[in-house]
Amino acid sequence: MVEPPSLMMLQFLAWVSDRPRTRADVMEAWRSCPHYSVWEDSVIAGLVRTSGKAVVLTARGRAMLEDRTASQARPSKAPTAHPVAELGPRVDRAVRRNGNKLGSAPGN
């Protein structure tokens, strides 16, 4: 199973794709915290490459960023009705039988 990219990795890929970056830019911005190896991880995974002094996304890195951006842009499925309404006519009859009092026992 393929592990989904971390938020940090997605932020890094978006940062690289935002405008031309040099290797010096990357080192200054992303190696400042030794706990995050996003630069090394992205190179090892084939998501970015250097081209002269420039750091660019590979086709794989671009696809990963676009896939995650597209999946986050999709609207979530909104409920079409109140959950109780999906129970149908039986609930309507029970409510009417109980004098429109939800939660009361029949005959009370």
N, C-alpha and C. Protein backbone atom coordinates (compact mmCIF):
# COMPACT_ATOMS: atom_id res chain seq x y z
N MET A 1 0.84 -1.18 0.00
CA MET A 1 0.00 0.00 0.00
C MET A 1 0.89 1.24 0.00
N VAL A 2 0.55 2.20 -0.84
CA VAL A 2 1.33 3.43 -0.95
C VAL A 2 0.90 4.39 0.16
N GLU A 3 1.87 4.91 0.85
CA GLU A 3 1.60 5.86 1.93
C GLU A 3 1.28 7.22 1.33
N PRO A 4 0.21 7.88 1.77
CA PRO A 4 -0.12 9.20 1.24
C PRO A 4 0.95 10.22 1.64
N PRO A 5 1.14 11.24 0.83
CA PRO A 5 2.16 12.24 1.16
C PRO A 5 1.78 13.02 2.42
N SER A 6 2.78 13.40 3.15
CA SER A 6 2.54 14.19 4.36
C SER A 6 2.15 15.62 3.98
N LEU A 7 1.54 16.30 4.90
CA LEU A 7 1.19 17.70 4.68
C LEU A 7 2.44 18.52 4.41
N MET A 8 3.51 18.21 5.12
CA MET A 8 4.78 18.91 4.92
C MET A 8 5.29 18.72 3.50
N MET A 9 5.18 17.49 2.98
CA MET A 9 5.63 17.21 1.62
C MET A 9 4.78 17.98 0.61
N LEU A 10 3.48 18.00 0.81
CA LEU A 10 2.60 18.75 -0.10
C LEU A 10 2.90 20.24 -0.06
N GLN A 11 3.20 20.76 1.12
CA GLN A 11 3.56 22.17 1.24
C GLN A 11 4.87 22.45 0.49
N PHE A 12 5.82 21.55 0.62
CA PHE A 12 7.09 21.71 -0.07
C PHE A 12 6.89 21.69 -1.58
N LEU A 13 6.13 20.72 -2.08
CA LEU A 13 5.89 20.63 -3.53
C LEU A 13 5.17 21.88 -4.04
N ALA A 14 4.20 22.37 -3.29
CA ALA A 14 3.50 23.60 -3.69
C ALA A 14 4.45 24.79 -3.69
N TRP A 15 5.33 24.85 -2.72
CA TRP A 15 6.31 25.94 -2.62
C TRP A 15 7.25 25.90 -3.82
N VAL A 16 7.72 24.72 -4.19
CA VAL A 16 8.63 24.60 -5.34
C VAL A 16 7.90 24.99 -6.62
N SER A 17 6.64 24.58 -6.76
CA SER A 17 5.91 24.87 -7.99
C SER A 17 5.44 26.31 -8.10
N ASP A 18 5.44 27.04 -6.99
CA ASP A 18 4.93 28.41 -6.96
C ASP A 18 5.71 29.35 -7.87
N ARG A 19 7.03 29.23 -7.88
CA ARG A 19 7.88 30.08 -8.72
C ARG A 19 9.26 29.43 -8.81
N PRO A 20 10.08 29.89 -9.73
CA PRO A 20 11.42 29.28 -9.84
C PRO A 20 12.19 29.36 -8.52
N ARG A 21 12.80 28.23 -8.14
CA ARG A 21 13.58 28.15 -6.90
C ARG A 21 14.97 27.62 -7.24
N THR A 22 15.93 28.09 -6.51
CA THR A 22 17.28 27.55 -6.67
C THR A 22 17.54 26.57 -5.53
N ARG A 23 18.60 25.80 -5.70
CA ARG A 23 18.96 24.86 -4.63
C ARG A 23 19.28 25.64 -3.36
N ALA A 24 19.91 26.82 -3.51
CA ALA A 24 20.22 27.66 -2.35
C ALA A 24 18.94 28.10 -1.64
N ASP A 25 17.90 28.45 -2.42
CA ASP A 25 16.60 28.82 -1.83
C ASP A 25 16.06 27.67 -0.98
N VAL A 26 16.13 26.47 -1.55
CA VAL A 26 15.61 25.28 -0.86
C VAL A 26 16.38 25.04 0.42
N MET A 27 17.70 25.10 0.32
CA MET A 27 18.53 24.84 1.51
C MET A 27 18.25 25.86 2.61
N GLU A 28 18.09 27.10 2.22
CA GLU A 28 17.85 28.16 3.21
C GLU A 28 16.47 28.00 3.86
N ALA A 29 15.47 27.71 3.06
CA ALA A 29 14.10 27.66 3.58
C ALA A 29 13.74 26.35 4.25
N TRP A 30 14.25 25.22 3.77
CA TRP A 30 13.76 23.92 4.22
C TRP A 30 14.74 23.12 5.05
N ARG A 31 15.96 23.55 5.15
CA ARG A 31 16.90 22.81 5.99
C ARG A 31 17.11 23.51 7.33
N SER A 32 16.32 24.54 7.56
CA SER A 32 16.48 25.30 8.80
C SER A 32 16.08 24.48 10.03
N CYS A 33 15.24 23.48 9.82
CA CYS A 33 14.81 22.64 10.93
C CYS A 33 15.30 21.22 10.67
N PRO A 34 16.22 20.73 11.47
CA PRO A 34 16.79 19.40 11.21
C PRO A 34 15.80 18.25 11.38
N HIS A 35 14.65 18.49 11.97
CA HIS A 35 13.68 17.42 12.18
C HIS A 35 12.91 17.07 10.91
N TYR A 36 12.91 17.96 9.95
CA TYR A 36 12.16 17.73 8.72
C TYR A 36 13.11 17.43 7.58
N SER A 37 12.97 16.26 7.01
CA SER A 37 13.84 15.85 5.91
C SER A 37 13.10 15.91 4.59
N VAL A 38 12.20 16.86 4.44
CA VAL A 38 11.34 16.93 3.26
C VAL A 38 12.16 17.08 1.98
N TRP A 39 13.24 17.81 2.02
CA TRP A 39 14.07 17.97 0.83
C TRP A 39 14.66 16.62 0.42
N GLU A 40 15.29 15.93 1.34
CA GLU A 40 15.89 14.64 1.03
C GLU A 40 14.83 13.62 0.62
N ASP A 41 13.72 13.61 1.34
CA ASP A 41 12.64 12.65 1.03
C ASP A 41 12.08 12.89 -0.37
N SER A 42 11.92 14.15 -0.76
CA SER A 42 11.35 14.45 -2.08
C SER A 42 12.32 14.06 -3.20
N VAL A 43 13.62 14.21 -2.96
CA VAL A 43 14.62 13.80 -3.96
C VAL A 43 14.63 12.27 -4.08
N ILE A 44 14.66 11.58 -2.95
CA ILE A 44 14.69 10.12 -2.95
C ILE A 44 13.45 9.55 -3.62
N ALA A 45 12.29 10.16 -3.39
CA ALA A 45 11.03 9.69 -3.96
C ALA A 45 10.86 10.08 -5.42
N GLY A 46 11.78 10.88 -5.95
CA GLY A 46 11.69 11.30 -7.34
C GLY A 46 10.62 12.35 -7.60
N LEU A 47 10.34 13.17 -6.59
CA LEU A 47 9.31 14.20 -6.73
C LEU A 47 9.87 15.53 -7.21
N VAL A 48 11.15 15.78 -6.94
CA VAL A 48 11.83 16.98 -7.41
C VAL A 48 13.20 16.57 -7.97
N ARG A 49 13.76 17.45 -8.78
CA ARG A 49 15.11 17.23 -9.29
C ARG A 49 15.77 18.59 -9.48
N THR A 50 17.07 18.57 -9.55
CA THR A 50 17.79 19.81 -9.83
C THR A 50 18.09 19.84 -11.32
N SER A 51 18.00 21.03 -11.88
CA SER A 51 18.30 21.27 -13.28
C SER A 51 19.19 22.50 -13.32
N GLY A 52 20.51 22.27 -13.33
CA GLY A 52 21.44 23.39 -13.16
C GLY A 52 21.33 23.89 -11.74
N LYS A 53 21.02 25.16 -11.59
CA LYS A 53 20.83 25.72 -10.24
C LYS A 53 19.37 25.68 -9.79
N ALA A 54 18.48 25.29 -10.70
CA ALA A 54 17.05 25.30 -10.39
C ALA A 54 16.59 23.97 -9.78
N VAL A 55 15.60 24.07 -8.92
CA VAL A 55 14.92 22.90 -8.38
C VAL A 55 13.52 22.90 -8.99
N VAL A 56 13.16 21.78 -9.61
CA VAL A 56 11.86 21.69 -10.29
C VAL A 56 11.15 20.42 -9.89
N LEU A 57 9.84 20.45 -10.04
CA LEU A 57 9.05 19.25 -9.81
C LEU A 57 9.24 18.29 -10.98
N THR A 58 9.29 17.02 -10.69
CA THR A 58 9.28 16.01 -11.73
C THR A 58 7.82 15.77 -12.12
N ALA A 59 7.61 14.98 -13.15
CA ALA A 59 6.23 14.64 -13.54
C ALA A 59 5.52 13.95 -12.38
N ARG A 60 6.24 13.11 -11.66
CA ARG A 60 5.66 12.41 -10.50
C ARG A 60 5.28 13.39 -9.40
N GLY A 61 6.15 14.34 -9.11
CA GLY A 61 5.86 15.35 -8.09
C GLY A 61 4.68 16.22 -8.47
N ARG A 62 4.62 16.61 -9.75
CA ARG A 62 3.52 17.43 -10.23
C ARG A 62 2.20 16.65 -10.12
N ALA A 63 2.24 15.37 -10.50
CA ALA A 63 1.03 14.55 -10.43
C ALA A 63 0.56 14.39 -8.98
N MET A 64 1.49 14.19 -8.05
CA MET A 64 1.12 14.04 -6.64
C MET A 64 0.46 15.31 -6.12
N LEU A 65 1.03 16.45 -6.45
CA LEU A 65 0.48 17.72 -6.00
C LEU A 65 -0.89 17.96 -6.62
N GLU A 66 -1.04 17.68 -7.92
CA GLU A 66 -2.32 17.89 -8.58
C GLU A 66 -3.39 16.94 -8.06
N ASP A 67 -3.02 15.68 -7.80
CA ASP A 67 -3.98 14.71 -7.26
C ASP A 67 -4.50 15.15 -5.91
N ARG A 68 -3.62 15.58 -5.04
CA ARG A 68 -4.04 16.01 -3.69
C ARG A 68 -4.84 17.30 -3.75
N THR A 69 -4.46 18.22 -4.63
CA THR A 69 -5.20 19.47 -4.76
C THR A 69 -6.59 19.20 -5.29
N ALA A 70 -6.70 18.31 -6.28
CA ALA A 70 -8.00 17.98 -6.85
C ALA A 70 -8.89 17.27 -5.83
N SER A 71 -8.32 16.35 -5.06
CA SER A 71 -9.14 15.62 -4.08
C SER A 71 -9.60 16.53 -2.95
N GLN A 72 -8.83 17.54 -2.62
CA GLN A 72 -9.23 18.48 -1.57
C GLN A 72 -10.27 19.47 -2.08
N ALA A 73 -10.31 19.68 -3.41
CA ALA A 73 -11.25 20.64 -3.98
C ALA A 73 -12.64 20.04 -4.18
N ARG A 74 -12.73 18.71 -4.17
CA ARG A 74 -14.03 18.06 -4.35
C ARG A 74 -14.93 18.34 -3.15
N PRO A 75 -16.17 18.75 -3.42
CA PRO A 75 -17.07 18.99 -2.29
C PRO A 75 -17.43 17.67 -1.62
N SER A 76 -17.59 17.74 -0.33
CA SER A 76 -18.00 16.54 0.39
C SER A 76 -19.48 16.31 0.12
N LYS A 77 -19.89 15.06 0.23
CA LYS A 77 -21.28 14.73 -0.02
C LYS A 77 -22.13 15.25 1.13
N ALA A 78 -22.98 16.18 0.81
CA ALA A 78 -23.83 16.79 1.82
C ALA A 78 -25.09 15.93 1.99
N PRO A 79 -25.59 15.84 3.21
CA PRO A 79 -26.82 15.08 3.40
C PRO A 79 -27.97 15.74 2.65
N THR A 80 -28.84 14.92 2.08
CA THR A 80 -29.96 15.46 1.30
C THR A 80 -31.17 15.76 2.17
N ALA A 81 -31.25 15.13 3.31
CA ALA A 81 -32.40 15.34 4.19
C ALA A 81 -31.97 15.07 5.62
N HIS A 82 -32.84 15.44 6.53
CA HIS A 82 -32.59 15.16 7.93
C HIS A 82 -32.53 13.65 8.11
N PRO A 83 -31.60 13.13 8.92
CA PRO A 83 -31.46 11.67 9.07
C PRO A 83 -32.74 10.96 9.46
N VAL A 84 -33.59 11.58 10.27
CA VAL A 84 -34.83 10.93 10.68
C VAL A 84 -35.78 10.83 9.49
N ALA A 85 -35.73 11.80 8.59
CA ALA A 85 -36.61 11.78 7.42
C ALA A 85 -36.32 10.58 6.53
N GLU A 86 -35.09 10.10 6.54
CA GLU A 86 -34.73 8.94 5.72
C GLU A 86 -35.39 7.66 6.25
N LEU A 87 -35.91 7.68 7.46
CA LEU A 87 -36.56 6.49 8.01
C LEU A 87 -37.93 6.27 7.41
N GLY A 88 -38.49 7.30 6.81
CA GLY A 88 -39.69 7.14 6.01
C GLY A 88 -41.00 7.23 6.76
N PRO A 89 -42.05 6.68 6.11
CA PRO A 89 -43.43 6.82 6.60
C PRO A 89 -43.67 6.22 7.98
N ARG A 90 -42.91 5.19 8.35
CA ARG A 90 -43.14 4.58 9.68
C ARG A 90 -42.92 5.61 10.79
N VAL A 91 -41.89 6.44 10.62
CA VAL A 91 -41.62 7.47 11.63
C VAL A 91 -42.73 8.51 11.62
N ASP A 92 -43.18 8.89 10.42
CA ASP A 92 -44.27 9.85 10.35
C ASP A 92 -45.51 9.34 11.08
N ARG A 93 -45.85 8.07 10.85
CA ARG A 93 -47.03 7.50 11.53
C ARG A 93 -46.82 7.46 13.04
N ALA A 94 -45.62 7.08 13.47
CA ALA A 94 -45.35 7.00 14.91
C ALA A 94 -45.45 8.38 15.55
N VAL A 95 -44.97 9.38 14.86
CA VAL A 95 -45.02 10.75 15.40
C VAL A 95 -46.48 11.19 15.50
N ARG A 96 -47.25 10.94 14.46
CA ARG A 96 -48.67 11.33 14.50
C ARG A 96 -49.42 10.58 15.59
N ARG A 97 -49.12 9.29 15.73
CA ARG A 97 -49.78 8.45 16.73
C ARG A 97 -49.46 8.94 18.15
N ASN A 98 -48.30 9.49 18.35
CA ASN A 98 -47.87 9.96 19.67
C ASN A 98 -48.15 11.44 19.87
N GLY A 99 -48.99 11.99 19.07
CA GLY A 99 -49.34 13.39 19.24
C GLY A 99 -48.18 14.33 18.94
N ASN A 100 -47.40 13.96 17.92
CA ASN A 100 -46.26 14.77 17.48
C ASN A 100 -45.20 14.95 18.55
N LYS A 101 -45.17 14.04 19.54
CA LYS A 101 -44.16 14.11 20.59
C LYS A 101 -43.08 13.08 20.30
N LEU A 102 -41.96 13.50 19.86
CA LEU A 102 -40.87 12.57 19.61
C LEU A 102 -40.32 12.08 20.93
N GLY A 103 -40.02 10.82 21.00
CA GLY A 103 -39.41 10.26 22.19
C GLY A 103 -40.39 9.74 23.21
N SER A 104 -41.68 9.98 22.99
CA SER A 104 -42.65 9.44 23.95
C SER A 104 -43.10 8.06 23.50
N ALA A 105 -43.47 7.24 24.45
CA ALA A 105 -43.92 5.89 24.16
C ALA A 105 -45.33 5.93 23.61
N PRO A 106 -45.68 4.97 22.74
CA PRO A 106 -47.05 4.95 22.21
C PRO A 106 -48.08 4.88 23.34
N GLY A 107 -49.11 5.64 23.18
CA GLY A 107 -50.18 5.63 24.18
C GLY A 107 -49.95 6.56 25.34
N ASN A 108 -48.82 7.24 25.42
CA ASN A 108 -48.56 8.18 26.53
C ASN A 108 -48.86 9.59 26.13
